[in-house]
């Protein structure tokens, strides 16, 4: 059986929902990552950095846009050895068409460790889907085997009942490596 890691970046505080902006105690991607880890019997690691985003949604998105344009990479405040894993599920919220620079920093620092690993990307969004993040992921991890991704609306990940209703889709996503 493959040894699986669920690695993700997520942000709590104000998030966008179809009916407006609402504060959440735990980020959308964190909730989806936990569901995937539980379904896979996987280890889980949250990427954390020294950068603190504003709590307000619009201020956060504008800052994320600026950091992406600058090519900014924050300093990791925790690390994870990915070398023992056969499969790594990589999750993130969609920000400006791609993953947050926090996750990019981790992937850039560990790109060599992803060689020959199977990578299952997943993201949360409110309509943008993967945009160009899969292309970016392939660029960041050129020696990894990037498999089909899984995307979910953030508001679905936030709602325990709706998330539970996605169990079959999560299992299909994971079936690529089982």
N, C-alpha and C. Protein backbone atom coordinates (compact mmCIF):
# COMPACT_ATOMS: atom_id res chain seq x y z
N UNK A 1 0.84 -1.20 0.00
CA UNK A 1 0.00 0.00 0.00
C UNK A 1 0.88 1.25 0.00
N UNK A 2 0.51 2.22 -0.79
CA UNK A 2 1.27 3.46 -0.90
C UNK A 2 1.20 4.26 0.39
N UNK A 3 2.31 4.89 0.73
CA UNK A 3 2.35 5.79 1.88
C UNK A 3 1.98 7.18 1.37
N UNK A 4 0.93 7.77 1.96
CA UNK A 4 0.35 9.01 1.44
C UNK A 4 0.47 10.16 2.45
N UNK A 5 0.81 11.33 1.92
CA UNK A 5 0.84 12.57 2.69
C UNK A 5 -0.14 13.55 2.06
N UNK A 6 -0.92 14.21 2.89
CA UNK A 6 -1.75 15.33 2.43
C UNK A 6 -1.06 16.60 2.93
N UNK A 7 -0.58 17.39 1.99
CA UNK A 7 0.17 18.61 2.27
C UNK A 7 -0.66 19.77 1.74
N UNK A 8 -0.89 20.79 2.54
CA UNK A 8 -1.78 21.87 2.09
C UNK A 8 -1.45 23.19 2.74
N UNK A 9 -1.93 24.27 2.10
CA UNK A 9 -1.94 25.60 2.67
C UNK A 9 -3.39 26.04 2.72
N UNK A 10 -3.77 26.70 3.80
CA UNK A 10 -5.13 27.17 3.95
C UNK A 10 -5.14 28.47 4.75
N UNK A 11 -6.23 29.21 4.67
CA UNK A 11 -6.37 30.46 5.41
C UNK A 11 -7.77 30.57 5.98
N UNK A 12 -7.84 30.89 7.25
CA UNK A 12 -9.13 31.12 7.91
C UNK A 12 -9.49 32.61 7.73
N UNK A 13 -10.21 33.16 8.68
CA UNK A 13 -10.66 34.55 8.67
C UNK A 13 -11.72 34.76 7.59
N UNK A 14 -11.82 35.95 7.01
CA UNK A 14 -12.87 36.22 6.04
C UNK A 14 -12.62 35.48 4.73
N UNK A 15 -13.65 34.81 4.25
CA UNK A 15 -13.61 34.08 2.98
C UNK A 15 -14.83 34.45 2.16
N UNK A 16 -14.70 34.28 0.86
CA UNK A 16 -15.79 34.58 -0.06
C UNK A 16 -16.73 33.38 -0.16
N UNK A 17 -18.02 33.65 -0.09
CA UNK A 17 -19.08 32.65 -0.26
C UNK A 17 -20.06 33.19 -1.29
N UNK A 18 -20.87 32.32 -1.90
CA UNK A 18 -21.84 32.81 -2.89
C UNK A 18 -22.79 33.89 -2.35
N UNK A 19 -23.06 33.86 -1.06
CA UNK A 19 -23.98 34.84 -0.48
C UNK A 19 -23.27 35.96 0.27
N UNK A 20 -21.98 36.15 0.02
CA UNK A 20 -21.24 37.24 0.65
C UNK A 20 -19.96 36.77 1.32
N UNK A 21 -19.38 37.65 2.08
CA UNK A 21 -18.13 37.37 2.76
C UNK A 21 -18.43 37.02 4.21
N UNK A 22 -17.84 35.91 4.67
CA UNK A 22 -18.07 35.44 6.03
C UNK A 22 -16.75 35.01 6.66
N UNK A 23 -16.63 35.22 7.96
CA UNK A 23 -15.44 34.77 8.69
C UNK A 23 -15.58 33.29 9.01
N UNK A 24 -14.48 32.57 8.88
CA UNK A 24 -14.46 31.15 9.22
C UNK A 24 -13.30 30.89 10.17
N UNK A 25 -13.49 29.95 11.08
CA UNK A 25 -12.46 29.63 12.06
C UNK A 25 -11.36 28.75 11.46
N UNK A 26 -11.73 28.00 10.44
CA UNK A 26 -10.78 27.10 9.78
C UNK A 26 -10.97 27.25 8.28
N UNK A 27 -9.88 27.32 7.55
CA UNK A 27 -9.95 27.55 6.11
C UNK A 27 -10.62 26.43 5.34
N UNK A 28 -11.14 26.77 4.17
CA UNK A 28 -11.81 25.81 3.31
C UNK A 28 -10.89 24.66 2.91
N UNK A 29 -9.67 24.97 2.52
CA UNK A 29 -8.74 23.94 2.08
C UNK A 29 -8.36 23.03 3.24
N UNK A 30 -8.26 23.57 4.44
CA UNK A 30 -7.96 22.74 5.62
C UNK A 30 -9.05 21.70 5.82
N UNK A 31 -10.28 22.11 5.68
CA UNK A 31 -11.40 21.17 5.87
C UNK A 31 -11.37 20.07 4.81
N UNK A 32 -11.12 20.44 3.56
CA UNK A 32 -11.03 19.44 2.50
C UNK A 32 -9.82 18.54 2.71
N UNK A 33 -8.69 19.10 3.11
CA UNK A 33 -7.48 18.31 3.36
C UNK A 33 -7.72 17.26 4.43
N UNK A 34 -8.42 17.64 5.49
CA UNK A 34 -8.71 16.68 6.56
C UNK A 34 -9.60 15.55 6.06
N UNK A 35 -10.57 15.87 5.22
CA UNK A 35 -11.46 14.83 4.67
C UNK A 35 -10.67 13.88 3.76
N UNK A 36 -9.77 14.42 2.97
CA UNK A 36 -8.95 13.58 2.09
C UNK A 36 -8.02 12.70 2.91
N UNK A 37 -7.38 13.28 3.92
CA UNK A 37 -6.45 12.51 4.77
C UNK A 37 -7.19 11.38 5.47
N UNK A 38 -8.37 11.67 5.97
CA UNK A 38 -9.15 10.64 6.66
C UNK A 38 -9.54 9.52 5.68
N UNK A 39 -9.98 9.87 4.49
CA UNK A 39 -10.39 8.87 3.51
C UNK A 39 -9.21 8.01 3.05
N UNK A 40 -8.02 8.62 3.01
CA UNK A 40 -6.83 7.91 2.51
C UNK A 40 -6.05 7.21 3.62
N UNK A 41 -6.38 7.51 4.87
CA UNK A 41 -5.55 7.00 5.97
C UNK A 41 -4.15 7.59 5.88
N UNK A 42 -4.09 8.87 5.52
CA UNK A 42 -2.83 9.54 5.23
C UNK A 42 -2.35 10.41 6.38
N UNK A 43 -1.05 10.71 6.36
CA UNK A 43 -0.50 11.73 7.24
C UNK A 43 -0.90 13.08 6.65
N UNK A 44 -0.86 14.12 7.49
CA UNK A 44 -1.27 15.44 7.03
C UNK A 44 -0.29 16.49 7.54
N UNK A 45 -0.01 17.49 6.70
CA UNK A 45 0.91 18.57 7.07
C UNK A 45 0.39 19.88 6.48
N UNK A 46 0.25 20.88 7.35
CA UNK A 46 -0.16 22.21 6.92
C UNK A 46 1.06 23.09 6.74
N UNK A 47 1.22 23.65 5.55
CA UNK A 47 2.31 24.58 5.27
C UNK A 47 2.01 25.89 6.00
N UNK A 48 2.97 26.32 6.81
CA UNK A 48 2.84 27.59 7.53
C UNK A 48 4.08 28.41 7.29
N UNK A 49 3.86 29.73 7.20
CA UNK A 49 4.98 30.63 6.94
C UNK A 49 4.95 31.79 7.93
N UNK A 50 5.97 32.63 7.82
CA UNK A 50 6.05 33.80 8.69
C UNK A 50 5.18 34.96 8.20
N UNK A 51 4.55 34.81 7.06
CA UNK A 51 3.71 35.88 6.53
C UNK A 51 2.30 35.79 7.09
N UNK A 52 1.78 36.91 7.56
CA UNK A 52 0.42 36.97 8.09
C UNK A 52 -0.42 37.82 7.14
N UNK A 53 -1.44 37.22 6.61
CA UNK A 53 -2.34 37.93 5.72
C UNK A 53 -3.37 38.72 6.53
N UNK A 54 -3.88 39.82 5.95
CA UNK A 54 -4.95 40.55 6.64
C UNK A 54 -6.17 39.63 6.84
N UNK A 55 -6.91 39.88 7.90
CA UNK A 55 -8.10 39.07 8.17
C UNK A 55 -9.24 39.40 7.21
N UNK A 56 -9.29 40.64 6.76
CA UNK A 56 -10.35 41.08 5.86
C UNK A 56 -10.13 40.48 4.46
N UNK A 57 -11.19 39.95 3.87
CA UNK A 57 -11.10 39.25 2.60
C UNK A 57 -10.47 40.09 1.48
N UNK A 58 -11.00 41.27 1.23
CA UNK A 58 -10.51 42.08 0.11
C UNK A 58 -9.07 42.53 0.34
N UNK A 59 -8.73 42.88 1.55
CA UNK A 59 -7.34 43.26 1.85
C UNK A 59 -6.41 42.07 1.62
N UNK A 60 -6.85 40.89 2.00
CA UNK A 60 -6.06 39.67 1.80
C UNK A 60 -5.84 39.40 0.32
N UNK A 61 -6.91 39.49 -0.47
CA UNK A 61 -6.77 39.17 -1.89
C UNK A 61 -5.86 40.19 -2.60
N UNK A 62 -5.97 41.44 -2.22
CA UNK A 62 -5.09 42.45 -2.84
C UNK A 62 -3.63 42.21 -2.45
N UNK A 63 -3.40 41.84 -1.21
CA UNK A 63 -2.04 41.55 -0.78
C UNK A 63 -1.50 40.31 -1.49
N UNK A 64 -2.32 39.29 -1.61
CA UNK A 64 -1.91 38.07 -2.32
C UNK A 64 -1.56 38.38 -3.77
N UNK A 65 -2.33 39.23 -4.40
CA UNK A 65 -2.08 39.63 -5.79
C UNK A 65 -0.71 40.32 -5.90
N UNK A 66 -0.45 41.23 -4.97
CA UNK A 66 0.82 41.97 -4.96
C UNK A 66 2.01 41.02 -4.74
N UNK A 67 1.88 40.11 -3.78
CA UNK A 67 2.96 39.17 -3.48
C UNK A 67 3.24 38.25 -4.66
N UNK A 68 2.20 37.80 -5.33
CA UNK A 68 2.36 36.95 -6.50
C UNK A 68 3.10 37.70 -7.61
N UNK A 69 2.71 38.93 -7.87
CA UNK A 69 3.35 39.73 -8.91
C UNK A 69 4.82 39.99 -8.61
N UNK A 70 5.15 40.12 -7.31
CA UNK A 70 6.53 40.37 -6.89
C UNK A 70 7.38 39.10 -6.86
N UNK A 71 6.74 37.94 -6.98
CA UNK A 71 7.48 36.68 -6.85
C UNK A 71 7.94 36.41 -5.43
N UNK A 72 7.23 37.00 -4.48
CA UNK A 72 7.58 36.88 -3.06
C UNK A 72 7.42 35.44 -2.56
N UNK A 73 8.38 35.00 -1.77
CA UNK A 73 8.29 33.69 -1.12
C UNK A 73 8.55 33.87 0.37
N UNK A 74 7.53 33.65 1.20
CA UNK A 74 7.72 33.79 2.65
C UNK A 74 8.58 32.66 3.20
N UNK A 75 9.07 32.88 4.41
CA UNK A 75 9.90 31.88 5.09
C UNK A 75 8.98 30.83 5.74
N UNK A 76 9.31 29.57 5.53
CA UNK A 76 8.55 28.49 6.18
C UNK A 76 8.83 28.50 7.67
N UNK A 77 7.79 28.29 8.48
CA UNK A 77 7.98 28.24 9.94
C UNK A 77 7.93 26.81 10.46
N UNK A 78 7.62 25.87 9.59
CA UNK A 78 7.63 24.44 9.92
C UNK A 78 7.99 23.72 8.63
N UNK A 79 8.51 22.52 8.78
CA UNK A 79 8.93 21.78 7.60
C UNK A 79 8.46 20.34 7.70
N UNK A 80 8.48 19.66 6.57
CA UNK A 80 8.03 18.28 6.48
C UNK A 80 8.92 17.54 5.49
N UNK A 81 9.43 16.41 5.89
CA UNK A 81 10.23 15.57 5.00
C UNK A 81 9.27 14.75 4.15
N UNK A 82 9.22 15.04 2.86
CA UNK A 82 8.30 14.34 1.97
C UNK A 82 8.91 13.07 1.38
N UNK A 83 10.20 12.86 1.61
CA UNK A 83 10.89 11.73 0.97
C UNK A 83 10.31 10.35 1.31
N UNK A 84 9.76 10.09 2.50
CA UNK A 84 9.24 8.74 2.77
C UNK A 84 7.92 8.41 2.07
N UNK A 85 7.30 9.39 1.42
CA UNK A 85 5.96 9.20 0.86
C UNK A 85 6.01 8.82 -0.61
N UNK A 86 5.09 7.95 -1.01
CA UNK A 86 4.94 7.55 -2.41
C UNK A 86 4.01 8.51 -3.15
N UNK A 87 3.01 8.99 -2.42
CA UNK A 87 1.96 9.85 -2.97
C UNK A 87 1.83 11.07 -2.09
N UNK A 88 1.75 12.24 -2.73
CA UNK A 88 1.56 13.48 -1.97
C UNK A 88 0.38 14.23 -2.58
N UNK A 89 -0.66 14.40 -1.79
CA UNK A 89 -1.81 15.21 -2.18
C UNK A 89 -1.45 16.66 -1.83
N UNK A 90 -1.49 17.55 -2.79
CA UNK A 90 -1.08 18.94 -2.59
C UNK A 90 -2.31 19.83 -2.75
N UNK A 91 -2.69 20.53 -1.66
CA UNK A 91 -3.91 21.31 -1.68
C UNK A 91 -3.71 22.78 -1.40
N UNK A 92 -4.60 23.59 -1.96
CA UNK A 92 -4.49 25.03 -1.83
C UNK A 92 -5.80 25.72 -2.23
N UNK A 93 -5.99 26.94 -1.71
CA UNK A 93 -7.08 27.77 -2.22
C UNK A 93 -6.62 28.44 -3.51
N UNK A 94 -7.53 28.71 -4.41
CA UNK A 94 -7.19 29.41 -5.64
C UNK A 94 -7.12 30.91 -5.36
N UNK A 95 -5.95 31.46 -5.59
CA UNK A 95 -5.74 32.90 -5.43
C UNK A 95 -5.14 33.44 -6.71
N UNK A 96 -5.87 34.30 -7.39
CA UNK A 96 -5.39 34.95 -8.61
C UNK A 96 -4.94 33.93 -9.64
N UNK A 97 -5.70 32.87 -9.80
CA UNK A 97 -5.46 31.90 -10.85
C UNK A 97 -4.45 30.82 -10.52
N UNK A 98 -3.91 30.83 -9.32
CA UNK A 98 -2.91 29.83 -8.96
C UNK A 98 -2.92 29.59 -7.46
N UNK A 99 -1.90 28.92 -6.98
CA UNK A 99 -1.77 28.64 -5.55
C UNK A 99 -1.10 29.82 -4.84
N UNK A 100 -1.29 29.95 -3.54
CA UNK A 100 -0.63 31.01 -2.79
C UNK A 100 0.90 30.86 -2.80
N UNK A 101 1.58 31.98 -2.68
CA UNK A 101 3.05 31.97 -2.69
C UNK A 101 3.62 31.18 -1.51
N UNK A 102 2.85 31.03 -0.46
CA UNK A 102 3.30 30.25 0.70
C UNK A 102 3.56 28.80 0.28
N UNK A 103 2.63 28.23 -0.47
CA UNK A 103 2.79 26.86 -0.94
C UNK A 103 3.89 26.79 -1.99
N UNK A 104 3.97 27.79 -2.85
CA UNK A 104 5.06 27.83 -3.83
C UNK A 104 6.42 27.76 -3.14
N UNK A 105 6.55 28.49 -2.03
CA UNK A 105 7.83 28.49 -1.29
C UNK A 105 8.18 27.08 -0.84
N UNK A 106 7.21 26.36 -0.30
CA UNK A 106 7.46 24.98 0.15
C UNK A 106 7.86 24.10 -1.04
N UNK A 107 7.09 24.16 -2.11
CA UNK A 107 7.34 23.30 -3.26
C UNK A 107 8.70 23.60 -3.90
N UNK A 108 9.06 24.86 -3.99
CA UNK A 108 10.37 25.22 -4.54
C UNK A 108 11.50 24.67 -3.69
N UNK A 109 11.36 24.76 -2.38
CA UNK A 109 12.41 24.27 -1.49
C UNK A 109 12.53 22.75 -1.51
N UNK A 110 11.46 22.07 -1.87
CA UNK A 110 11.44 20.60 -1.82
C UNK A 110 11.30 19.94 -3.19
N UNK A 111 11.46 20.70 -4.26
CA UNK A 111 11.21 20.16 -5.60
C UNK A 111 11.98 18.87 -5.86
N UNK A 112 13.23 18.79 -5.47
CA UNK A 112 14.03 17.57 -5.71
C UNK A 112 13.44 16.37 -4.97
N UNK A 113 12.85 16.60 -3.81
CA UNK A 113 12.26 15.52 -3.02
C UNK A 113 10.99 14.95 -3.64
N UNK A 114 10.40 15.69 -4.58
CA UNK A 114 9.18 15.24 -5.25
C UNK A 114 9.47 14.39 -6.48
N UNK A 115 10.73 14.21 -6.83
CA UNK A 115 11.09 13.43 -8.02
C UNK A 115 10.49 12.03 -7.92
N UNK A 116 9.82 11.62 -8.96
CA UNK A 116 9.19 10.30 -9.08
C UNK A 116 8.00 10.07 -8.14
N UNK A 117 7.60 11.09 -7.40
CA UNK A 117 6.42 10.95 -6.53
C UNK A 117 5.16 11.16 -7.36
N UNK A 118 4.09 10.51 -6.95
CA UNK A 118 2.78 10.78 -7.54
C UNK A 118 2.17 11.93 -6.75
N UNK A 119 1.75 12.96 -7.47
CA UNK A 119 1.17 14.15 -6.84
C UNK A 119 -0.29 14.27 -7.28
N UNK A 120 -1.16 14.34 -6.28
CA UNK A 120 -2.59 14.52 -6.51
C UNK A 120 -2.96 15.95 -6.07
N UNK A 121 -3.13 16.87 -7.01
CA UNK A 121 -3.49 18.24 -6.62
C UNK A 121 -4.97 18.38 -6.29
N UNK A 122 -5.26 19.23 -5.31
CA UNK A 122 -6.65 19.57 -5.02
C UNK A 122 -6.73 21.03 -4.63
N UNK A 123 -7.86 21.65 -4.91
CA UNK A 123 -8.01 23.07 -4.57
C UNK A 123 -9.44 23.37 -4.14
N UNK A 124 -9.57 24.49 -3.46
CA UNK A 124 -10.88 25.05 -3.13
C UNK A 124 -10.98 26.40 -3.84
N UNK A 125 -12.20 26.75 -4.23
CA UNK A 125 -12.44 27.97 -5.00
C UNK A 125 -13.93 28.30 -4.91
N UNK A 126 -14.30 29.40 -5.50
CA UNK A 126 -15.73 29.73 -5.60
C UNK A 126 -16.11 29.99 -7.05
N UNK A 127 -15.45 29.29 -7.97
CA UNK A 127 -15.83 29.40 -9.37
C UNK A 127 -14.65 29.36 -10.34
N UNK A 128 -13.45 29.58 -9.86
CA UNK A 128 -12.30 29.67 -10.75
C UNK A 128 -11.70 28.32 -11.12
N UNK A 129 -12.07 27.27 -10.42
CA UNK A 129 -11.52 25.94 -10.65
C UNK A 129 -9.99 25.98 -10.55
N UNK A 130 -9.27 25.22 -11.36
CA UNK A 130 -7.81 25.16 -11.25
C UNK A 130 -7.08 26.29 -11.99
N UNK A 131 -7.78 26.99 -12.89
CA UNK A 131 -7.16 28.01 -13.74
C UNK A 131 -5.79 27.53 -14.21
N UNK A 132 -4.71 28.29 -13.97
CA UNK A 132 -3.39 27.86 -14.45
C UNK A 132 -2.53 27.23 -13.36
N UNK A 133 -3.14 26.89 -12.24
CA UNK A 133 -2.35 26.33 -11.13
C UNK A 133 -1.74 24.96 -11.44
N UNK A 134 -2.40 24.15 -12.27
CA UNK A 134 -1.83 22.84 -12.59
C UNK A 134 -0.58 23.00 -13.45
N UNK A 135 -0.61 23.95 -14.36
CA UNK A 135 0.58 24.26 -15.16
C UNK A 135 1.70 24.76 -14.24
N UNK A 136 1.35 25.61 -13.30
CA UNK A 136 2.34 26.12 -12.34
C UNK A 136 2.91 24.99 -11.49
N UNK A 137 2.04 24.06 -11.08
CA UNK A 137 2.48 22.93 -10.27
C UNK A 137 3.48 22.06 -11.06
N UNK A 138 3.19 21.83 -12.33
CA UNK A 138 4.10 21.04 -13.17
C UNK A 138 5.43 21.75 -13.34
N UNK A 139 5.39 23.07 -13.41
CA UNK A 139 6.62 23.86 -13.52
C UNK A 139 7.44 23.78 -12.22
N UNK A 140 6.76 23.85 -11.08
CA UNK A 140 7.44 23.80 -9.78
C UNK A 140 7.99 22.41 -9.46
N UNK A 141 7.30 21.37 -9.95
CA UNK A 141 7.67 19.99 -9.65
C UNK A 141 7.87 19.21 -10.95
N UNK A 142 8.87 19.57 -11.74
CA UNK A 142 9.02 18.98 -13.08
C UNK A 142 9.31 17.48 -13.09
N UNK A 143 9.81 16.94 -12.00
CA UNK A 143 10.16 15.53 -11.97
C UNK A 143 9.12 14.67 -11.25
N UNK A 144 8.04 15.30 -10.84
CA UNK A 144 6.95 14.56 -10.19
C UNK A 144 5.95 14.11 -11.25
N UNK A 145 5.18 13.09 -10.90
CA UNK A 145 4.10 12.62 -11.77
C UNK A 145 2.81 13.27 -11.27
N UNK A 146 2.36 14.30 -11.97
CA UNK A 146 1.15 15.03 -11.57
C UNK A 146 -0.07 14.31 -12.14
N UNK A 147 -0.93 13.83 -11.26
CA UNK A 147 -2.13 13.10 -11.67
C UNK A 147 -3.33 14.05 -11.74
N UNK A 148 -4.48 13.52 -12.09
CA UNK A 148 -5.69 14.34 -12.22
C UNK A 148 -6.05 15.00 -10.89
N UNK A 149 -6.45 16.24 -10.96
CA UNK A 149 -6.76 17.00 -9.76
C UNK A 149 -8.22 16.91 -9.34
N UNK A 150 -8.48 17.44 -8.16
CA UNK A 150 -9.82 17.46 -7.58
C UNK A 150 -10.07 18.87 -7.07
N UNK A 151 -11.18 19.45 -7.50
CA UNK A 151 -11.51 20.80 -7.04
C UNK A 151 -12.88 20.79 -6.36
N UNK A 152 -13.02 21.71 -5.41
CA UNK A 152 -14.28 21.79 -4.66
C UNK A 152 -14.57 23.25 -4.33
N UNK A 153 -15.83 23.60 -4.40
CA UNK A 153 -16.22 24.93 -3.93
C UNK A 153 -15.89 25.05 -2.45
N UNK A 154 -15.34 26.19 -2.07
CA UNK A 154 -14.98 26.42 -0.68
C UNK A 154 -16.16 26.33 0.27
N UNK A 155 -17.31 26.85 -0.16
CA UNK A 155 -18.48 26.80 0.72
C UNK A 155 -18.95 25.37 0.94
N UNK A 156 -18.69 24.46 0.00
CA UNK A 156 -19.03 23.06 0.19
C UNK A 156 -18.10 22.45 1.24
N UNK A 157 -16.80 22.77 1.14
CA UNK A 157 -15.83 22.26 2.12
C UNK A 157 -16.15 22.76 3.53
N UNK A 158 -16.70 23.97 3.63
CA UNK A 158 -17.00 24.55 4.94
C UNK A 158 -18.20 23.90 5.62
N UNK A 159 -19.11 23.36 4.85
CA UNK A 159 -20.36 22.79 5.38
C UNK A 159 -20.17 21.29 5.61
N UNK A 160 -20.19 20.85 6.84
CA UNK A 160 -19.90 19.45 7.18
C UNK A 160 -20.79 18.47 6.42
N UNK A 161 -22.06 18.78 6.30
CA UNK A 161 -22.98 17.87 5.59
C UNK A 161 -22.70 17.84 4.10
N UNK A 162 -22.46 19.00 3.51
CA UNK A 162 -22.14 19.03 2.07
C UNK A 162 -20.81 18.33 1.80
N UNK A 163 -19.84 18.54 2.67
CA UNK A 163 -18.53 17.89 2.51
C UNK A 163 -18.67 16.37 2.61
N UNK A 164 -19.46 15.93 3.57
CA UNK A 164 -19.72 14.48 3.73
C UNK A 164 -20.33 13.90 2.46
N UNK A 165 -21.16 14.68 1.80
CA UNK A 165 -21.80 14.25 0.57
C UNK A 165 -20.84 14.13 -0.62
N UNK A 166 -19.61 14.59 -0.44
CA UNK A 166 -18.60 14.52 -1.49
C UNK A 166 -17.67 13.31 -1.33
N UNK A 167 -18.00 12.43 -0.39
CA UNK A 167 -17.13 11.28 -0.09
C UNK A 167 -16.85 10.42 -1.31
N UNK A 168 -17.85 10.19 -2.16
CA UNK A 168 -17.63 9.38 -3.36
C UNK A 168 -16.65 10.04 -4.31
N UNK A 169 -16.74 11.36 -4.45
CA UNK A 169 -15.82 12.09 -5.32
C UNK A 169 -14.39 12.05 -4.76
N UNK A 170 -14.27 12.15 -3.47
CA UNK A 170 -12.95 12.07 -2.83
C UNK A 170 -12.37 10.67 -3.05
N UNK A 171 -13.19 9.65 -2.91
CA UNK A 171 -12.72 8.27 -3.13
C UNK A 171 -12.27 8.07 -4.58
N UNK A 172 -13.01 8.64 -5.54
CA UNK A 172 -12.61 8.53 -6.95
C UNK A 172 -11.27 9.23 -7.19
N UNK A 173 -11.11 10.38 -6.56
CA UNK A 173 -9.85 11.14 -6.65
C UNK A 173 -8.69 10.28 -6.14
N UNK A 174 -8.89 9.64 -5.00
CA UNK A 174 -7.84 8.83 -4.38
C UNK A 174 -7.64 7.50 -5.12
N UNK A 175 -8.63 7.05 -5.85
CA UNK A 175 -8.52 5.75 -6.54
C UNK A 175 -7.39 5.73 -7.58
N UNK A 176 -6.90 6.89 -7.96
CA UNK A 176 -5.78 6.97 -8.90
C UNK A 176 -4.52 6.31 -8.36
N UNK A 177 -4.45 6.19 -7.03
CA UNK A 177 -3.23 5.66 -6.41
C UNK A 177 -3.49 4.45 -5.52
N UNK A 178 -4.69 3.96 -5.49
CA UNK A 178 -5.01 2.81 -4.65
C UNK A 178 -4.98 1.54 -5.46
